[in-house]
Every structure is written in structure tokens, then in C-alpha cells.
Protein backbone atom coordinates (compact mmCIF):
# COMPACT_ATOMS: atom_id res chain seq x y z
CA MET A 1 0.00 0.00 0.00
CA LEU A 2 1.47 3.36 -1.05
CA LYS A 3 -0.22 5.60 1.52
CA ASN A 4 2.07 6.37 4.48
CA SER A 5 5.08 4.69 2.96
CA ILE A 6 8.58 5.57 1.87
CA THR A 7 10.41 4.09 -1.11
CA PHE A 8 14.18 4.34 -1.35
CA LEU A 9 14.91 5.12 -4.98
CA GLY A 10 18.61 5.00 -4.14
CA THR A 11 20.80 4.36 -1.11
CA GLY A 12 24.24 5.42 -2.28
CA GLY A 13 26.33 8.02 -0.49
CA GLY A 14 29.86 9.30 -0.92
CA ARG A 15 31.47 10.24 -4.22
CA VAL A 16 32.63 6.80 -5.29
CA VAL A 17 29.37 4.98 -4.60
CA VAL A 18 27.20 7.69 -6.17
CA PHE A 19 29.24 8.63 -9.20
CA ARG A 20 30.11 5.02 -10.08
CA GLN A 21 26.49 4.03 -9.31
CA ILE A 22 27.57 1.16 -7.09
CA ARG A 23 24.22 1.90 -5.47
CA HIS A 24 21.58 4.11 -7.00
CA SER A 25 21.15 7.72 -5.88
CA GLY A 26 17.60 8.66 -6.75
CA GLY A 27 16.50 9.90 -3.33
CA LEU A 28 13.27 9.09 -1.47
CA TRP A 29 9.64 8.89 -2.59
CA LEU A 30 7.59 9.69 0.51
CA ASN A 31 3.82 9.35 0.60
CA ILE A 32 2.27 10.77 3.74
CA GLU A 33 -1.51 10.87 4.04
CA GLY A 34 -1.80 10.57 0.27
CA VAL A 35 0.60 13.42 -0.58
CA ASN A 36 3.58 12.48 -2.77
CA ILE A 37 6.86 14.10 -1.80
CA LEU A 38 10.12 13.52 -3.66
CA VAL A 39 13.10 14.07 -1.34
CA ASP A 40 16.66 14.68 -2.55
CA PRO A 41 16.46 13.84 -6.27
CA GLY A 42 20.09 12.92 -6.90
CA PRO A 43 21.62 11.40 -10.05
CA GLY A 44 19.22 8.99 -11.72
CA SER A 45 16.13 10.08 -9.82
CA LEU A 46 14.05 10.61 -12.96
CA VAL A 47 14.85 7.10 -14.18
CA ARG A 48 14.30 5.43 -10.81
CA ILE A 49 10.90 7.10 -10.36
CA PHE A 50 9.52 5.37 -13.43
CA GLU A 51 11.48 2.20 -12.79
CA HIS A 52 9.66 1.76 -9.48
CA GLY A 53 6.21 2.35 -10.96
CA PHE A 54 5.79 6.02 -10.02
CA ASP A 55 5.03 8.95 -12.31
CA THR A 56 6.55 12.41 -11.95
CA ARG A 57 3.16 13.94 -12.74
CA ASP A 58 1.92 12.60 -9.40
CA ILE A 59 4.50 14.56 -7.39
CA ASP A 60 2.96 17.21 -5.15
CA MET A 61 6.15 18.55 -3.62
CA VAL A 62 9.92 18.29 -4.09
CA VAL A 63 12.17 18.70 -1.05
CA VAL A 64 15.93 19.21 -1.38
CA SER A 65 17.90 18.95 1.86
CA HIS A 66 21.03 20.61 0.42
CA ARG A 67 22.69 21.62 -2.82
CA HIS A 68 25.30 18.86 -3.20
CA LEU A 69 24.84 17.00 -6.48
CA ASP A 70 24.15 13.60 -4.93
CA HIS A 71 21.00 15.18 -3.45
CA SER A 72 19.95 17.66 -6.11
CA SER A 73 21.34 16.94 -9.58
CA ASP A 74 18.04 15.65 -11.01
CA VAL A 75 15.83 18.37 -9.59
CA ASN A 76 15.71 20.13 -12.97
CA ALA A 77 14.93 16.97 -14.92
CA VAL A 78 12.22 16.00 -12.44
CA VAL A 79 10.59 19.46 -12.51
CA GLU A 80 10.68 19.50 -16.31
CA SER A 81 9.06 16.05 -16.42
CA ALA A 82 6.55 16.61 -13.62
CA THR A 83 5.29 19.87 -15.10
CA GLU A 84 5.34 18.86 -18.77
CA SER A 85 7.85 21.63 -19.51
CA THR A 86 6.27 24.06 -16.98
CA LYS A 87 2.78 23.81 -18.53
CA LYS A 88 1.30 22.20 -15.39
CA PRO A 89 3.19 23.72 -12.46
CA LEU A 90 4.30 21.69 -9.48
CA ASP A 91 2.72 22.82 -6.22
CA MET A 92 5.84 23.37 -4.12
CA LEU A 93 9.62 23.16 -3.84
CA VAL A 94 11.11 23.25 -0.33
CA CYS A 95 14.86 23.82 -0.05
CA PRO A 96 17.59 25.90 1.61
CA GLU A 97 18.18 29.31 0.07
CA ASP A 98 21.43 28.39 -1.71
CA VAL A 99 19.59 25.84 -3.87
CA VAL A 100 17.66 28.60 -5.64
CA GLU A 101 19.54 31.86 -4.95
CA GLY A 102 23.07 33.24 -5.10
CA GLU A 103 25.69 33.08 -7.83
CA ASP A 104 25.41 29.34 -8.41
CA PRO A 105 21.81 28.14 -7.90
CA ILE A 106 20.99 24.51 -8.59
CA LEU A 107 17.49 25.13 -9.97
CA LEU A 108 17.60 26.52 -13.50
CA ARG A 109 15.87 29.86 -13.66
CA TYR A 110 13.56 29.05 -16.57
CA LEU A 111 12.06 26.17 -14.59
CA ARG A 112 10.82 28.45 -11.80
CA ALA A 113 7.74 29.04 -13.92
CA GLY A 114 6.98 25.37 -13.33
CA ILE A 115 6.73 25.73 -9.55
CA LYS A 116 3.83 27.50 -7.87
CA GLU A 117 5.63 28.12 -4.57
CA ILE A 118 9.28 27.97 -3.55
CA LYS A 119 9.61 27.81 0.22
CA ILE A 120 12.97 28.41 1.89
CA LEU A 121 13.98 25.87 4.52
CA LYS A 122 15.64 27.28 7.63
CA GLU A 123 16.06 26.40 11.29
CA LYS A 124 12.74 26.45 13.16
CA THR A 125 10.71 26.88 9.98
CA ASP A 126 7.16 25.57 9.55
CA ILE A 127 5.88 25.27 5.98
CA GLN A 128 2.26 24.30 5.49
CA TYR A 129 1.01 22.20 2.59
CA ARG A 130 -2.53 20.83 2.78
CA LYS A 131 -2.59 18.81 6.02
CA ILE A 132 1.21 18.47 6.18
CA THR A 133 3.67 20.68 8.04
CA VAL A 134 7.23 20.54 6.72
CA LYS A 135 9.61 21.58 9.47
CA GLY A 136 13.16 22.85 9.20
CA THR A 137 14.83 21.82 12.44
CA VAL A 138 18.45 21.31 13.45
CA PRO A 139 21.16 23.11 11.43
CA HIS A 140 23.76 20.64 10.18
CA ILE A 141 27.48 21.20 9.73
CA HIS A 142 27.98 20.26 6.11
CA LYS A 143 30.76 21.88 4.11
CA GLY A 144 29.67 24.05 1.20
CA ALA A 145 25.92 23.70 1.67
CA GLN A 146 23.18 25.07 3.89
CA THR A 147 21.67 21.96 5.47
CA TYR A 148 18.92 21.42 8.05
CA GLY A 149 17.06 18.51 9.55
CA ILE A 150 13.65 18.02 7.96
CA GLU A 151 10.43 16.70 9.45
CA PHE A 152 7.02 15.93 7.98
CA HIS A 153 4.10 16.18 10.40
CA THR A 154 0.42 15.46 10.04
CA GLU A 155 -2.22 15.05 12.70
CA SER A 156 -1.38 11.36 13.04
CA LYS A 157 2.08 10.83 11.50
CA LYS A 158 5.60 12.16 12.07
CA VAL A 159 8.51 11.37 9.78
CA VAL A 160 12.01 12.69 10.50
CA TYR A 161 14.81 12.91 7.92
CA VAL A 162 18.35 13.43 9.18
CA PRO A 163 20.40 14.41 6.12
CA CYS A 164 24.16 14.70 5.78
CA GLY A 165 26.28 16.55 8.30
CA LYS A 166 29.06 16.23 10.83
CA PHE A 167 27.79 15.08 14.22
CA TYR A 168 27.82 17.56 17.08
CA GLU A 169 26.09 17.68 20.46
CA GLY A 170 23.46 20.12 19.18
CA MET A 171 21.99 17.33 17.06
CA LEU A 172 20.76 15.71 20.27
CA GLU A 173 18.29 18.57 20.67
CA GLY A 174 15.73 19.96 18.27
CA TYR A 175 14.37 16.88 16.54
CA THR A 176 10.97 15.43 17.45
CA GLU A 177 10.89 12.59 19.97
CA ASN A 178 9.17 9.26 19.20
CA PRO A 179 8.43 9.86 15.50
CA ASP A 180 6.81 7.10 13.47
CA LEU A 181 9.89 6.87 11.26
CA MET A 182 13.38 8.37 11.44
CA ILE A 183 15.73 8.17 8.45
CA PHE A 184 19.47 8.69 8.93
CA ASN A 185 22.02 9.36 6.21
CA THR A 186 24.62 7.05 7.74
CA THR A 187 27.69 7.27 5.56
CA PHE A 188 30.39 5.65 7.70
CA PRO A 189 30.64 2.67 10.06
CA GLN A 190 32.95 4.66 12.36
CA PRO A 191 33.52 8.41 12.81
CA ALA A 192 35.69 9.92 10.07
CA GLU A 193 36.81 13.31 11.34
CA GLN A 194 37.84 14.62 7.92
CA TYR A 195 34.35 14.13 6.48
CA TYR A 196 31.10 15.96 7.23
CA HIS A 197 28.92 12.86 7.53
CA LEU A 198 27.27 10.73 10.20
CA SER A 199 28.63 7.40 11.40
CA VAL A 200 26.94 4.42 13.07
CA PRO A 201 27.98 5.52 16.63
CA ASP A 202 26.53 8.99 15.93
CA VAL A 203 23.25 7.46 14.83
CA GLU A 204 23.18 5.24 17.89
CA GLN A 205 23.29 8.32 20.12
CA MET A 206 20.47 9.95 18.17
CA ILE A 207 18.26 6.87 18.24
CA GLN A 208 18.78 6.54 21.99
CA ARG A 209 17.85 10.20 22.39
CA TYR A 210 14.79 10.40 20.11
CA ARG A 211 13.41 6.83 20.35
CA PRO A 212 11.66 6.55 16.98
CA LYS A 213 9.17 3.73 16.43
CA LYS A 214 11.21 2.68 13.39
CA ALA A 215 14.61 3.80 12.11
CA VAL A 216 16.28 3.38 8.74
CA ILE A 217 19.92 3.92 7.78
CA THR A 218 20.86 4.85 4.20
CA HIS A 219 23.34 6.89 2.09
CA PHE A 220 26.19 4.40 2.28
CA SER A 221 29.86 4.93 1.37
CA ILE A 222 32.34 2.26 0.29
CA PRO A 223 33.54 1.73 3.89
CA MET A 224 29.92 1.31 5.01
CA LEU A 225 29.18 -1.21 2.27
CA LYS A 226 32.30 -3.17 3.23
CA ALA A 227 31.17 -3.17 6.86
CA ASP A 228 27.75 -4.50 5.71
CA PRO A 229 24.84 -2.13 6.39
CA GLU A 230 22.60 -5.01 7.50
CA LYS A 231 25.08 -5.96 10.22
CA MET A 232 25.32 -2.31 11.28
CA ALA A 233 21.52 -2.06 11.44
CA ALA A 234 21.28 -5.25 13.49
CA ARG A 235 23.88 -3.90 15.89
CA LEU A 236 21.95 -0.64 16.28
CA SER A 237 18.75 -2.59 16.93
CA ARG A 238 20.41 -4.65 19.67
CA LYS A 239 22.00 -1.65 21.35
CA THR A 240 18.99 0.67 21.24
CA GLY A 241 16.01 -1.67 21.34
CA VAL A 242 14.57 0.22 18.36
CA PRO A 243 13.94 -1.69 15.10
CA VAL A 244 16.53 -0.43 12.62
CA THR A 245 16.52 -1.34 8.92
CA ALA A 246 19.38 -0.98 6.45
CA ALA A 247 17.85 0.45 3.28
CA TYR A 248 18.52 -1.03 -0.14
CA ASP A 249 17.61 0.29 -3.55
CA GLY A 250 13.88 -0.11 -4.03
CA LEU A 251 13.05 -0.80 -0.38
CA ARG A 252 9.55 0.31 0.62
CA ILE A 253 8.58 0.74 4.26
CA ASN A 254 5.10 1.48 5.62
CA PHE A 255 4.75 3.54 8.77
């Protein structure tokens, strides 16, 4: 059943995995209370959407967590497809300011005519769309890109997305406790100080703090794939008591 589900169009993270397509990088198709939200349309997103039986014309909203290409490179192709070359505008794009403004915006300017509303994601931001509130929460430390935690709330459902960023103590405050689903971009099996990405021990701390009903790890690098994401997920489940799933390309989870 599609309603209140998330489909992982791709689970690759890190330059080698993404740009050699060792795992796909198409982002997330989230359906919450019947609203279709495409999150982080990275390389191949347009292809993966159709490959998994979806149609871009059914997208209600596109959400980009940050401007790095593995999260945003297909946003233009998806908007062009979803809007039939801007003839039938998409309802909403939600993203940090540097995705659409500044000297080097990701979204091509001619495609703005294909989006009814562009909403800027910031810390402590509430964006309303039908019965859904999209929340910008915790600022992330992620080199070269404005990045924030993102939550999707309805009257009965709460989904939390923790995108890329270097772990710091402030990430243990500001997210919603006990959400229905919490998705972590978990790039490394162990902390890698030179990179601005989460590791399994970082995610363990966050799961212990926020106690989601279900958790999913995704966005895997070569070291994470070598460590075996399923083993890492099983370890997190044992240590936290929260069911944790390692995503794979095409995985669909209901919540």
C-alpha cells in the first residue's frame, strides 16, 4: 500500500558509490496521508521514479535537503518532467536558500515558472502544505551547503529525515521525539573526522535520544558497504532496542 510509505529510490552516499552508481542515488519517494513528496532527487532520480512504478506527474512537492549533487542533480529533470515543460506547475519546492539563490543556484531559472511556490527551509521553519507541516529543524554542519534537519508532520504521522552533516552535540536537541519513522544518512561505520557525515555511533546516540518507532539507515559509502549495512543495522537494533533497517535500492517501508 502506497499511503504512508517511503520508497528508497537509491541508497548510495559518498562520491565513489554515487558517481560510479555502485548503489543508486535517486532519493526518497515519501507518501504521507496521500501526498507524494520527492526528497533529494540525486543522479538517476528521474529514471528510478519510473522504474519503481511512479510517475513524476503525481508529485505534489519536491524537497531538497542541500545543494550537493548527490542530493539535487536531477531536480531540474524531475521538474521538467513533472510539469510537462512548466505547462502544469508543481505545487511546491522546499529547499535551503542556496539551492535557488546566489551566484550558483541549482534550480535553472527558466524552470521556476513550473513551480507554484518555492519555500525556503531554515532552522525552526514551519511550511504548510494541505494537512502536512514541513519543518526545518536542526542546522547541520555540512561543508559548502546550507543543510537542516527536515520533518514531515500530520495530525497522526511524524517522519524525520536526518540528512548529511558532521555530528555535534546540538543534534541531540531539536528533533521530534518518538516519531513514526526516522531516516538517517549514515555514511560511515565509524567516525571519520575529515568528512562531514554521520557514522553508526553517531546514529546510535540519536536513536537513543529520540526513540523513533522505526529507524532506517541509508546513504552508504564504500567503507559502510564493506562493513555491511545489515550488520550495522542489526547492531543498532540490539543496542537501542529500536527496530533499525538498512535500506537497499527499491526498499519500501510502511509507517
